[in-house]
């Protein structure tokens, strides 16, 4: 019984390790289109992962739980985006008004 248990406990993982393909073998099995697409997106995925890990490290420096800090950061990001969008809209409106004044049209005319 002990021998059979040891064979299953040791042999099972060894067998799985032996038959499991490596990453290179899997990549070679891709068709050329998928290989090209995978290689093109590799840098972007690595950069996104590095940014994510960096953010987690920054969040972990706080005394609060990570998910709370992450939620606060997302809220700040959304607020900053809304402010930036509002600023861009104001600039576009000002440019449009300046163009109207240059062309001699009044700002209060309706079309």
PDB file of N, CA and C in Angstrom:
ATOM      1  N   UNK A   1       0.819  -1.182   0.000  1.00  0.00           N
ATOM      2  CA  UNK A   1       0.000   0.000   0.000  1.00  0.00           C
ATOM      3  C   UNK A   1       0.873   1.260   0.000  1.00  0.00           C
ATOM      4  N   UNK A   2       1.914   1.279   0.839  1.00  0.00           N
ATOM      5  CA  UNK A   2       2.791   2.435   0.888  1.00  0.00           C
ATOM      6  C   UNK A   2       3.500   2.656  -0.447  1.00  0.00           C
ATOM      7  N   UNK A   3       3.912   1.588  -1.072  1.00  0.00           N
ATOM      8  CA  UNK A   3       4.600   1.701  -2.368  1.00  0.00           C
ATOM      9  C   UNK A   3       3.687   2.259  -3.439  1.00  0.00           C
ATOM     10  N   UNK A   4       2.453   1.796  -3.454  1.00  0.00           N
ATOM     11  CA  UNK A   4       1.486   2.293  -4.435  1.00  0.00           C
ATOM     12  C   UNK A   4       1.189   3.768  -4.180  1.00  0.00           C
ATOM     13  N   UNK A   5       0.997   4.148  -2.930  1.00  0.00           N
ATOM     14  CA  UNK A   5       0.744   5.550  -2.589  1.00  0.00           C
ATOM     15  C   UNK A   5       1.903   6.435  -2.987  1.00  0.00           C
ATOM     16  N   UNK A   6       3.125   5.990  -2.709  1.00  0.00           N
ATOM     17  CA  UNK A   6       4.314   6.763  -3.076  1.00  0.00           C
ATOM     18  C   UNK A   6       4.424   6.878  -4.588  1.00  0.00           C
ATOM     19  N   UNK A   7       4.127   5.779  -5.310  1.00  0.00           N
ATOM     20  CA  UNK A   7       4.204   5.812  -6.768  1.00  0.00           C
ATOM     21  C   UNK A   7       3.189   6.801  -7.338  1.00  0.00           C
ATOM     22  N   UNK A   8       1.992   6.818  -6.768  1.00  0.00           N
ATOM     23  CA  UNK A   8       0.967   7.742  -7.255  1.00  0.00           C
ATOM     24  C   UNK A   8       1.336   9.184  -6.902  1.00  0.00           C
ATOM     25  N   UNK A   9       1.798   9.396  -5.667  1.00  0.00           N
ATOM     26  CA  UNK A   9       2.129  10.757  -5.231  1.00  0.00           C
ATOM     27  C   UNK A   9       3.330  11.323  -5.964  1.00  0.00           C
ATOM     28  N   UNK A  10       4.304  10.513  -6.269  1.00  0.00           N
ATOM     29  CA  UNK A  10       5.507  10.985  -6.958  1.00  0.00           C
ATOM     30  C   UNK A  10       5.354  10.834  -8.461  1.00  0.00           C
ATOM     31  N   UNK A  11       4.806   9.702  -8.886  1.00  0.00           N
ATOM     32  CA  UNK A  11       4.700   9.416 -10.310  1.00  0.00           C
ATOM     33  C   UNK A  11       3.693  10.285 -11.031  1.00  0.00           C
ATOM     34  N   UNK A  12       2.599  10.623 -10.364  1.00  0.00           N
ATOM     35  CA  UNK A  12       1.576  11.448 -11.004  1.00  0.00           C
ATOM     36  C   UNK A  12       2.104  12.807 -11.421  1.00  0.00           C
ATOM     37  N   UNK A  13       2.641  13.580 -10.488  1.00  0.00           N
ATOM     38  CA  UNK A  13       3.198  14.879 -10.886  1.00  0.00           C
ATOM     39  C   UNK A  13       4.366  14.756 -11.868  1.00  0.00           C
ATOM     40  N   UNK A  14       5.190  13.713 -11.710  1.00  0.00           N
ATOM     41  CA  UNK A  14       6.306  13.524 -12.642  1.00  0.00           C
ATOM     42  C   UNK A  14       5.774  13.263 -14.052  1.00  0.00           C
ATOM     43  N   UNK A  15       4.716  12.456 -14.158  1.00  0.00           N
ATOM     44  CA  UNK A  15       4.124  12.162 -15.462  1.00  0.00           C
ATOM     45  C   UNK A  15       3.543  13.430 -16.089  1.00  0.00           C
ATOM     46  N   UNK A  16       2.837  14.213 -15.300  1.00  0.00           N
ATOM     47  CA  UNK A  16       2.267  15.465 -15.814  1.00  0.00           C
ATOM     48  C   UNK A  16       3.377  16.397 -16.267  1.00  0.00           C
ATOM     49  N   UNK A  17       4.440  16.510 -15.485  1.00  0.00           N
ATOM     50  CA  UNK A  17       5.567  17.376 -15.846  1.00  0.00           C
ATOM     51  C   UNK A  17       6.202  16.884 -17.142  1.00  0.00           C
ATOM     52  N   UNK A  18       6.270  15.571 -17.331  1.00  0.00           N
ATOM     53  CA  UNK A  18       6.907  14.985 -18.500  1.00  0.00           C
ATOM     54  C   UNK A  18       6.093  15.235 -19.772  1.00  0.00           C
ATOM     55  N   UNK A  19       4.742  15.149 -19.684  1.00  0.00           N
ATOM     56  CA  UNK A  19       3.933  15.298 -20.895  1.00  0.00           C
ATOM     57  C   UNK A  19       3.495  16.734 -21.165  1.00  0.00           C
ATOM     58  N   UNK A  20       3.642  17.628 -20.193  1.00  0.00           N
ATOM     59  CA  UNK A  20       3.200  19.009 -20.373  1.00  0.00           C
ATOM     60  C   UNK A  20       4.147  19.734 -21.325  1.00  0.00           C
ATOM     61  N   UNK A  21       3.613  20.367 -22.397  1.00  0.00           N
ATOM     62  CA  UNK A  21       4.485  21.082 -23.334  1.00  0.00           C
ATOM     63  C   UNK A  21       5.021  22.376 -22.718  1.00  0.00           C
ATOM     64  N   UNK A  22       6.187  22.784 -23.165  1.00  0.00           N
ATOM     65  CA  UNK A  22       6.774  24.038 -22.682  1.00  0.00           C
ATOM     66  C   UNK A  22       6.128  25.199 -23.430  1.00  0.00           C
ATOM     67  N   UNK A  23       6.395  26.405 -22.980  1.00  0.00           N
ATOM     68  CA  UNK A  23       5.845  27.587 -23.642  1.00  0.00           C
ATOM     69  C   UNK A  23       6.339  27.694 -25.086  1.00  0.00           C
ATOM     70  N   UNK A  24       7.610  27.349 -25.316  1.00  0.00           N
ATOM     71  CA  UNK A  24       8.160  27.424 -26.673  1.00  0.00           C
ATOM     72  C   UNK A  24       7.466  26.426 -27.591  1.00  0.00           C
ATOM     73  N   UNK A  25       7.201  25.213 -27.097  1.00  0.00           N
ATOM     74  CA  UNK A  25       6.522  24.212 -27.906  1.00  0.00           C
ATOM     75  C   UNK A  25       5.104  24.661 -28.257  1.00  0.00           C
ATOM     76  N   UNK A  26       4.417  25.246 -27.303  1.00  0.00           N
ATOM     77  CA  UNK A  26       3.074  25.757 -27.578  1.00  0.00           C
ATOM     78  C   UNK A  26       3.119  26.878 -28.614  1.00  0.00           C
ATOM     79  N   UNK A  27       4.106  27.769 -28.475  1.00  0.00           N
ATOM     80  CA  UNK A  27       4.236  28.891 -29.400  1.00  0.00           C
ATOM     81  C   UNK A  27       4.512  28.384 -30.813  1.00  0.00           C
ATOM     82  N   UNK A  28       5.316  27.344 -30.950  1.00  0.00           N
ATOM     83  CA  UNK A  28       5.622  26.791 -32.272  1.00  0.00           C
ATOM     84  C   UNK A  28       4.384  26.165 -32.915  1.00  0.00           C
ATOM     85  N   UNK A  29       3.425  25.730 -32.119  1.00  0.00           N
ATOM     86  CA  UNK A  29       2.203  25.117 -32.647  1.00  0.00           C
ATOM     87  C   UNK A  29       1.205  26.161 -33.150  1.00  0.00           C
ATOM     88  N   UNK A  30       1.382  27.428 -32.782  1.00  0.00           N
ATOM     89  CA  UNK A  30       0.503  28.490 -33.276  1.00  0.00           C
ATOM     90  C   UNK A  30       0.660  28.586 -34.792  1.00  0.00           C
ATOM     91  N   UNK A  31      -0.400  29.051 -35.455  1.00  0.00           N
ATOM     92  CA  UNK A  31      -0.211  29.335 -36.873  1.00  0.00           C
ATOM     93  C   UNK A  31       0.558  30.655 -36.975  1.00  0.00           C
ATOM     94  N   UNK A  32       1.184  30.928 -38.112  1.00  0.00           N
ATOM     95  CA  UNK A  32       2.038  32.127 -38.237  1.00  0.00           C
ATOM     96  C   UNK A  32       1.334  33.436 -37.912  1.00  0.00           C
ATOM     97  N   UNK A  33       0.032  33.531 -38.236  1.00  0.00           N
ATOM     98  CA  UNK A  33      -0.710  34.757 -37.923  1.00  0.00           C
ATOM     99  C   UNK A  33      -0.773  35.004 -36.426  1.00  0.00           C
ATOM    100  N   UNK A  34      -1.099  33.951 -35.684  1.00  0.00           N
ATOM    101  CA  UNK A  34      -1.183  34.077 -34.228  1.00  0.00           C
ATOM    102  C   UNK A  34       0.181  34.359 -33.617  1.00  0.00           C
ATOM    103  N   UNK A  35       1.232  33.753 -34.171  1.00  0.00           N
ATOM    104  CA  UNK A  35       2.583  34.031 -33.670  1.00  0.00           C
ATOM    105  C   UNK A  35       2.920  35.506 -33.838  1.00  0.00           C
ATOM    106  N   UNK A  36       2.609  36.047 -34.998  1.00  0.00           N
ATOM    107  CA  UNK A  36       2.903  37.456 -35.270  1.00  0.00           C
ATOM    108  C   UNK A  36       2.105  38.351 -34.324  1.00  0.00           C
ATOM    109  N   UNK A  37       0.822  38.051 -34.173  1.00  0.00           N
ATOM    110  CA  UNK A  37      -0.034  38.847 -33.295  1.00  0.00           C
ATOM    111  C   UNK A  37       0.446  38.779 -31.854  1.00  0.00           C
ATOM    112  N   UNK A  38       0.862  37.605 -31.431  1.00  0.00           N
ATOM    113  CA  UNK A  38       1.351  37.423 -30.066  1.00  0.00           C
ATOM    114  C   UNK A  38       2.633  38.220 -29.832  1.00  0.00           C
ATOM    115  N   UNK A  39       3.528  38.177 -30.799  1.00  0.00           N
ATOM    116  CA  UNK A  39       4.780  38.920 -30.664  1.00  0.00           C
ATOM    117  C   UNK A  39       4.544  40.423 -30.659  1.00  0.00           C
ATOM    118  N   UNK A  40       3.577  40.901 -31.462  1.00  0.00           N
ATOM    119  CA  UNK A  40       3.302  42.337 -31.517  1.00  0.00           C
ATOM    120  C   UNK A  40       2.736  42.848 -30.199  1.00  0.00           C
ATOM    121  N   UNK A  41       1.886  42.058 -29.551  1.00  0.00           N
ATOM    122  CA  UNK A  41       1.246  42.501 -28.321  1.00  0.00           C
ATOM    123  C   UNK A  41       2.033  42.207 -27.066  1.00  0.00           C
ATOM    124  N   UNK A  42       3.152  41.514 -27.193  1.00  0.00           N
ATOM    125  CA  UNK A  42       3.917  41.104 -26.021  1.00  0.00           C
ATOM    126  C   UNK A  42       4.424  42.298 -25.206  1.00  0.00           C
ATOM    127  N   UNK A  43       5.004  43.297 -25.869  1.00  0.00           N
ATOM    128  CA  UNK A  43       5.560  44.456 -25.167  1.00  0.00           C
ATOM    129  C   UNK A  43       4.465  45.196 -24.408  1.00  0.00           C
ATOM    130  N   UNK A  44       3.320  45.373 -25.056  1.00  0.00           N
ATOM    131  CA  UNK A  44       2.212  46.092 -24.413  1.00  0.00           C
ATOM    132  C   UNK A  44       1.712  45.348 -23.179  1.00  0.00           C
ATOM    133  N   UNK A  45       1.575  44.031 -23.287  1.00  0.00           N
ATOM    134  CA  UNK A  45       1.115  43.238 -22.137  1.00  0.00           C
ATOM    135  C   UNK A  45       2.123  43.298 -20.993  1.00  0.00           C
ATOM    136  N   UNK A  46       3.419  43.232 -21.326  1.00  0.00           N
ATOM    137  CA  UNK A  46       4.442  43.323 -20.284  1.00  0.00           C
ATOM    138  C   UNK A  46       4.412  44.687 -19.617  1.00  0.00           C
ATOM    139  N   UNK A  47       4.228  45.745 -20.400  1.00  0.00           N
ATOM    140  CA  UNK A  47       4.179  47.089 -19.834  1.00  0.00           C
ATOM    141  C   UNK A  47       2.953  47.244 -18.934  1.00  0.00           C
ATOM    142  N   UNK A  48       1.789  46.742 -19.375  1.00  0.00           N
ATOM    143  CA  UNK A  48       0.586  46.820 -18.558  1.00  0.00           C
ATOM    144  C   UNK A  48       0.773  46.072 -17.241  1.00  0.00           C
ATOM    145  N   UNK A  49       1.392  44.912 -17.306  1.00  0.00           N
ATOM    146  CA  UNK A  49       1.624  44.129 -16.094  1.00  0.00           C
ATOM    147  C   UNK A  49       2.578  44.861 -15.158  1.00  0.00           C
ATOM    148  N   UNK A  50       3.653  45.423 -15.704  1.00  0.00           N
ATOM    149  CA  UNK A  50       4.606  46.169 -14.880  1.00  0.00           C
ATOM    150  C   UNK A  50       3.944  47.370 -14.223  1.00  0.00           C
ATOM    151  N   UNK A  51       3.104  48.082 -14.982  1.00  0.00           N
ATOM    152  CA  UNK A  51       2.376  49.223 -14.415  1.00  0.00           C
ATOM    153  C   UNK A  51       1.443  48.772 -13.293  1.00  0.00           C
ATOM    154  N   UNK A  52       0.769  47.647 -13.513  1.00  0.00           N
ATOM    155  CA  UNK A  52      -0.149  47.111 -12.504  1.00  0.00           C
ATOM    156  C   UNK A  52       0.603  46.755 -11.227  1.00  0.00           C
ATOM    157  N   UNK A  53       1.748  46.091 -11.352  1.00  0.00           N
ATOM    158  CA  UNK A  53       2.531  45.702 -10.182  1.00  0.00           C
ATOM    159  C   UNK A  53       3.063  46.944  -9.469  1.00  0.00           C
ATOM    160  N   UNK A  54       3.489  47.939 -10.223  1.00  0.00           N
ATOM    161  CA  UNK A  54       3.973  49.182  -9.621  1.00  0.00           C
ATOM    162  C   UNK A  54       2.862  49.862  -8.834  1.00  0.00           C
ATOM    163  N   UNK A  55       1.653  49.891  -9.408  1.00  0.00           N
ATOM    164  CA  UNK A  55       0.521  50.483  -8.695  1.00  0.00           C
ATOM    165  C   UNK A  55       0.219  49.705  -7.424  1.00  0.00           C
ATOM    166  N   UNK A  56       0.251  48.387  -7.496  1.00  0.00           N
ATOM    167  CA  UNK A  56      -0.014  47.585  -6.296  1.00  0.00           C
ATOM    168  C   UNK A  56       1.019  47.856  -5.211  1.00  0.00           C
ATOM    169  N   UNK A  57       2.264  48.022  -5.603  1.00  0.00           N
ATOM    170  CA  UNK A  57       3.311  48.332  -4.629  1.00  0.00           C
ATOM    171  C   UNK A  57       3.042  49.681  -3.977  1.00  0.00           C
ATOM    172  N   UNK A  58       2.624  50.658  -4.797  1.00  0.00           N
ATOM    173  CA  UNK A  58       2.301  51.976  -4.243  1.00  0.00           C
ATOM    174  C   UNK A  58       1.097  51.892  -3.303  1.00  0.00           C
ATOM    175  N   UNK A  59       0.084  51.132  -3.710  1.00  0.00           N
ATOM    176  CA  UNK A  59      -1.111  50.991  -2.885  1.00  0.00           C
ATOM    177  C   UNK A  59      -0.802  50.278  -1.573  1.00  0.00           C
ATOM    178  N   UNK A  60       0.138  49.339  -1.603  1.00  0.00           N
ATOM    179  CA  UNK A  60       0.433  48.562  -0.397  1.00  0.00           C
ATOM    180  C   UNK A  60       1.185  49.374   0.648  1.00  0.00           C
ATOM    181  N   UNK A  61       1.713  50.520   0.267  1.00  0.00           N
ATOM    182  CA  UNK A  61       2.431  51.367   1.228  1.00  0.00           C
ATOM    183  C   UNK A  61       1.471  52.057   2.200  1.00  0.00           C
ATOM    184  N   UNK A  62       0.194  52.109   1.832  1.00  0.00           N
ATOM    185  CA  UNK A  62      -0.802  52.741   2.678  1.00  0.00           C
ATOM    186  C   UNK A  62      -1.218  51.800   3.808  1.00  0.00           C
ATOM    187  N   UNK A  63      -1.760  52.377   4.864  1.00  0.00           N
ATOM    188  CA  UNK A  63      -2.251  51.574   5.979  1.00  0.00           C
ATOM    189  C   UNK A  63      -3.624  50.973   5.677  1.00  0.00           C
ATOM    190  N   UNK A  64      -4.298  51.507   4.666  1.00  0.00           N
ATOM    191  CA  UNK A  64      -5.626  51.033   4.296  1.00  0.00           C
ATOM    192  C   UNK A  64      -5.501  49.758   3.459  1.00  0.00           C
ATOM    193  N   UNK A  65      -6.597  49.000   3.356  1.00  0.00           N
ATOM    194  CA  UNK A  65      -6.580  47.833   2.460  1.00  0.00           C
ATOM    195  C   UNK A  65      -6.356  48.266   1.006  1.00  0.00           C
ATOM    196  N   UNK A  66      -5.735  47.394   0.229  1.00  0.00           N
ATOM    197  CA  UNK A  66      -5.379  47.729  -1.143  1.00  0.00           C
ATOM    198  C   UNK A  66      -6.611  48.088  -1.963  1.00  0.00           C
ATOM    199  N   UNK A  67      -7.716  47.336  -1.805  1.00  0.00           N
ATOM    200  CA  UNK A  67      -8.899  47.602  -2.617  1.00  0.00           C
ATOM    201  C   UNK A  67      -9.495  48.967  -2.307  1.00  0.00           C
ATOM    202  N   UNK A  68      -9.349  49.436  -1.064  1.00  0.00           N
ATOM    203  CA  UNK A  68      -9.858  50.762  -0.714  1.00  0.00           C
ATOM    204  C   UNK A  68      -9.006  51.839  -1.383  1.00  0.00           C
ATOM    205  N   UNK A  69      -7.700  51.666  -1.304  1.00  0.00           N
ATOM    206  CA  UNK A  69      -6.789  52.636  -1.922  1.00  0.00           C
ATOM    207  C   UNK A  69      -6.972  52.634  -3.437  1.00  0.00           C
ATOM    208  N   UNK A  70      -7.176  51.448  -4.007  1.00  0.00           N
ATOM    209  CA  UNK A  70      -7.377  51.343  -5.444  1.00  0.00           C
ATOM    210  C   UNK A  70      -8.670  52.041  -5.862  1.00  0.00           C
ATOM    211  N   UNK A  71      -9.713  51.887  -5.070  1.00  0.00           N
ATOM    212  CA  UNK A  71     -10.984  52.547  -5.368  1.00  0.00           C
ATOM    213  C   UNK A  71     -10.837  54.063  -5.291  1.00  0.00           C
ATOM    214  N   UNK A  72     -10.107  54.551  -4.295  1.00  0.00           N
ATOM    215  CA  UNK A  72      -9.884  55.996  -4.173  1.00  0.00           C
ATOM    216  C   UNK A  72      -9.086  56.517  -5.360  1.00  0.00           C
ATOM    217  N   UNK A  73      -8.081  55.761  -5.785  1.00  0.00           N
ATOM    218  CA  UNK A  73      -7.279  56.182  -6.933  1.00  0.00           C
ATOM    219  C   UNK A  73      -8.127  56.214  -8.201  1.00  0.00           C
ATOM    220  N   UNK A  74      -9.007  55.235  -8.362  1.00  0.00           N
ATOM    221  CA  UNK A  74      -9.888  55.215  -9.532  1.00  0.00           C
ATOM    222  C   UNK A  74     -10.836  56.407  -9.505  1.00  0.00           C
ATOM    223  N   UNK A  75     -11.329  56.749  -8.316  1.00  0.00           N
ATOM    224  CA  UNK A  75     -12.222  57.895  -8.185  1.00  0.00           C
ATOM    225  C   UNK A  75     -11.480  59.183  -8.539  1.00  0.00           C
ATOM    226  N   UNK A  76     -10.245  59.322  -8.056  1.00  0.00           N
ATOM    227  CA  UNK A  76      -9.448  60.512  -8.392  1.00  0.00           C
ATOM    228  C   UNK A  76      -9.183  60.579  -9.893  1.00  0.00           C
ATOM    229  N   UNK A  77      -8.904  59.426 -10.497  1.00  0.00           N
ATOM    230  CA  UNK A  77      -8.635  59.388 -11.934  1.00  0.00           C
ATOM    231  C   UNK A  77      -9.869  59.822 -12.726  1.00  0.00           C
ATOM    232  N   UNK A  78     -11.043  59.307 -12.339  1.00  0.00           N
ATOM    233  CA  UNK A  78     -12.272  59.686 -13.025  1.00  0.00           C
ATOM    234  C   UNK A  78     -12.541  61.179 -12.879  1.00  0.00           C
ATOM    235  N   UNK A  79     -12.324  61.721 -11.677  1.00  0.00           N
ATOM    236  CA  UNK A  79     -12.540  63.145 -11.445  1.00  0.00           C
ATOM    237  C   UNK A  79     -11.581  63.974 -12.301  1.00  0.00           C
ATOM    238  N   UNK A  80     -10.329  63.557 -12.362  1.00  0.00           N
ATOM    239  CA  UNK A  80      -9.347  64.282 -13.171  1.00  0.00           C
ATOM    240  C   UNK A  80      -9.721  64.226 -14.648  1.00  0.00           C
ATOM    241  N   UNK A  81     -10.215  63.070 -15.100  1.00  0.00           N
ATOM    242  CA  UNK A  81     -10.626  62.940 -16.496  1.00  0.00           C
ATOM    243  C   UNK A  81     -11.798  63.871 -16.806  1.00  0.00           C
ATOM    244  N   UNK A  82     -12.769  63.933 -15.890  1.00  0.00           N
ATOM    245  CA  UNK A  82     -13.918  64.818 -16.105  1.00  0.00           C
ATOM    246  C   UNK A  82     -13.485  66.274 -16.156  1.00  0.00           C
ATOM    247  N   UNK A  83     -12.573  66.664 -15.266  1.00  0.00           N
ATOM    248  CA  UNK A  83     -12.072  68.034 -15.275  1.00  0.00           C
ATOM    249  C   UNK A  83     -11.318  68.332 -16.560  1.00  0.00           C
ATOM    250  N   UNK A  84     -10.523  67.377 -17.023  1.00  0.00           N
ATOM    251  CA  UNK A  84      -9.764  67.556 -18.261  1.00  0.00           C
ATOM    252  C   UNK A  84     -10.716  67.667 -19.451  1.00  0.00           C
ATOM    253  N   UNK A  85     -11.738  66.824 -19.485  1.00  0.00           N
ATOM    254  CA  UNK A  85     -12.718  66.896 -20.570  1.00  0.00           C
ATOM    255  C   UNK A  85     -13.450  68.234 -20.563  1.00  0.00           C
ATOM    256  N   UNK A  86     -13.788  68.729 -19.384  1.00  0.00           N
ATOM    257  CA  UNK A  86     -14.468  70.022 -19.280  1.00  0.00           C
ATOM    258  C   UNK A  86     -13.554  71.145 -19.761  1.00  0.00           C
ATOM    259  N   UNK A  87     -12.277  71.061 -19.401  1.00  0.00           N
ATOM    260  CA  UNK A  87     -11.311  72.083 -19.827  1.00  0.00           C
ATOM    261  C   UNK A  87     -11.149  72.070 -21.346  1.00  0.00           C
ATOM    262  N   UNK A  88     -11.065  70.884 -21.918  1.00  0.00           N
ATOM    263  CA  UNK A  88     -10.926  70.778 -23.375  1.00  0.00           C
ATOM    264  C   UNK A  88     -12.173  71.313 -24.068  1.00  0.00           C
ATOM    265  N   UNK A  89     -13.346  71.025 -23.508  1.00  0.00           N
ATOM    266  CA  UNK A  89     -14.588  71.532 -24.093  1.00  0.00           C
ATOM    267  C   UNK A  89     -14.633  73.053 -24.032  1.00  0.00           C
ATOM    268  N   UNK A  90     -14.188  73.625 -22.918  1.00  0.00           N
ATOM    269  CA  UNK A  90     -14.149  75.094 -22.798  1.00  0.00           C
ATOM    270  C   UNK A  90     -13.190  75.698 -23.813  1.00  0.00           C
ATOM    271  N   UNK A  91     -12.026  75.065 -23.987  1.00  0.00           N
ATOM    272  CA  UNK A  91     -11.062  75.576 -24.971  1.00  0.00           C
ATOM    273  C   UNK A  91     -11.638  75.499 -26.377  1.00  0.00           C
ATOM    274  N   UNK A  92     -12.316  74.406 -26.691  1.00  0.00           N
ATOM    275  CA  UNK A  92     -12.927  74.264 -28.015  1.00  0.00           C
ATOM    276  C   UNK A  92     -14.003  75.326 -28.222  1.00  0.00           C
ATOM    277  N   UNK A  93     -14.779  75.579 -27.176  1.00  0.00           N
ATOM    278  CA  UNK A  93     -15.829  76.598 -27.262  1.00  0.00           C
ATOM    279  C   UNK A  93     -15.206  77.972 -27.466  1.00  0.00           C
ATOM    280  N   UNK A  94     -14.122  78.256 -26.749  1.00  0.00           N
ATOM    281  CA  UNK A  94     -13.453  79.554 -26.897  1.00  0.00           C
ATOM    282  C   UNK A  94     -12.873  79.698 -28.301  1.00  0.00           C
ATOM    283  N   UNK A  95     -12.282  78.644 -28.836  1.00  0.00           N
ATOM    284  CA  UNK A  95     -11.736  78.700 -30.190  1.00  0.00           C
ATOM    285  C   UNK A  95     -12.845  78.927 -31.219  1.00  0.00           C
ATOM    286  N   UNK A  96     -13.969  78.242 -31.019  1.00  0.00           N
ATOM    287  CA  UNK A  96     -15.093  78.397 -31.935  1.00  0.00           C
ATOM    288  C   UNK A  96     -15.612  79.835 -31.906  1.00  0.00           C
ATOM    289  N   UNK A  97     -15.703  80.390 -30.699  1.00  0.00           N
ATOM    290  CA  UNK A  97     -16.168  81.771 -30.551  1.00  0.00           C
ATOM    291  C   UNK A  97     -15.175  82.740 -31.198  1.00  0.00           C
ATOM    292  N   UNK A  98     -13.871  82.485 -31.015  1.00  0.00           N
ATOM    293  CA  UNK A  98     -12.866  83.357 -31.629  1.00  0.00           C
ATOM    294  C   UNK A  98     -12.947  83.293 -33.150  1.00  0.00           C
ATOM    295  N   UNK A  99     -13.187  82.111 -33.680  1.00  0.00           N
ATOM    296  CA  UNK A  99     -13.308  81.967 -35.135  1.00  0.00           C
ATOM    297  C   UNK A  99     -14.548  82.699 -35.646  1.00  0.00           C
ATOM    298  N   UNK A 100     -15.627  82.663 -34.865  1.00  0.00           N
ATOM    299  CA  UNK A 100     -16.829  83.396 -35.257  1.00  0.00           C
ATOM    300  C   UNK A 100     -16.576  84.890 -35.292  1.00  0.00           C
ATOM    301  N   UNK A 101     -15.865  85.375 -34.249  1.00  0.00           N
ATOM    302  CA  UNK A 101     -15.582  86.812 -34.202  1.00  0.00           C
ATOM    303  C   UNK A 101     -14.690  87.227 -35.366  1.00  0.00           C
ATOM    304  N   UNK A 102     -13.705  86.386 -35.709  1.00  0.00           N
ATOM    305  CA  UNK A 102     -12.808  86.704 -36.830  1.00  0.00           C
ATOM    306  C   UNK A 102     -13.554  86.762 -38.150  1.00  0.00           C
ATOM    307  N   UNK A 103     -14.537  85.858 -38.300  1.00  0.00           N
ATOM    308  CA  UNK A 103     -15.261  85.815 -39.569  1.00  0.00           C
ATOM    309  C   UNK A 103     -16.373  86.867 -39.646  1.00  0.00           C
ATOM    310  N   UNK A 104     -16.637  87.534 -38.516  1.00  0.00           N
ATOM    311  CA  UNK A 104     -17.629  88.597 -38.513  1.00  0.00           C
ATOM    312  C   UNK A 104     -19.017  88.152 -38.128  1.00  0.00           C
ATOM    313  N   UNK A 105     -19.168  86.899 -37.724  1.00  0.00           N
ATOM    314  CA  UNK A 105     -20.472  86.436 -37.293  1.00  0.00           C
ATOM    315  C   UNK A 105     -20.652  86.745 -35.826  1.00  0.00           C
ATOM    316  N   UNK A 106     -21.887  86.989 -35.442  1.00  0.00           N
ATOM    317  CA  UNK A 106     -22.148  87.247 -34.023  1.00  0.00           C
ATOM    318  C   UNK A 106     -22.361  85.920 -33.308  1.00  0.00           C
ATOM    319  N   UNK A 107     -22.050  85.883 -32.051  1.00  0.00           N
ATOM    320  CA  UNK A 107     -22.187  84.672 -31.252  1.00  0.00           C
ATOM    321  C   UNK A 107     -23.622  84.347 -30.908  1.00  0.00           C
ATOM    322  N   UNK A 108     -24.559  85.297 -31.023  1.00  0.00           N
ATOM    323  CA  UNK A 108     -25.939  85.059 -30.588  1.00  0.00           C
ATOM    324  C   UNK A 108     -26.853  84.694 -31.739  1.00  0.00           C
ATOM    325  N   UNK A 109     -26.346  84.643 -32.982  1.00  0.00           N
ATOM    326  CA  UNK A 109     -27.217  84.311 -34.114  1.00  0.00           C
ATOM    327  C   UNK A 109     -27.554  82.830 -34.091  1.00  0.00           C
ATOM    328  N   UNK A 110     -28.802  82.524 -34.455  1.00  0.00           N
ATOM    329  CA  UNK A 110     -29.205  81.123 -34.476  1.00  0.00           C
ATOM    330  C   UNK A 110     -29.308  80.650 -35.915  1.00  0.00           C
ATOM    331  N   UNK A 111     -28.902  79.391 -36.173  1.00  0.00           N
ATOM    332  CA  UNK A 111     -28.916  78.890 -37.534  1.00  0.00           C
ATOM    333  C   UNK A 111     -29.888  77.779 -37.702  1.00  0.00           C
TER     334      UNK A 111
END
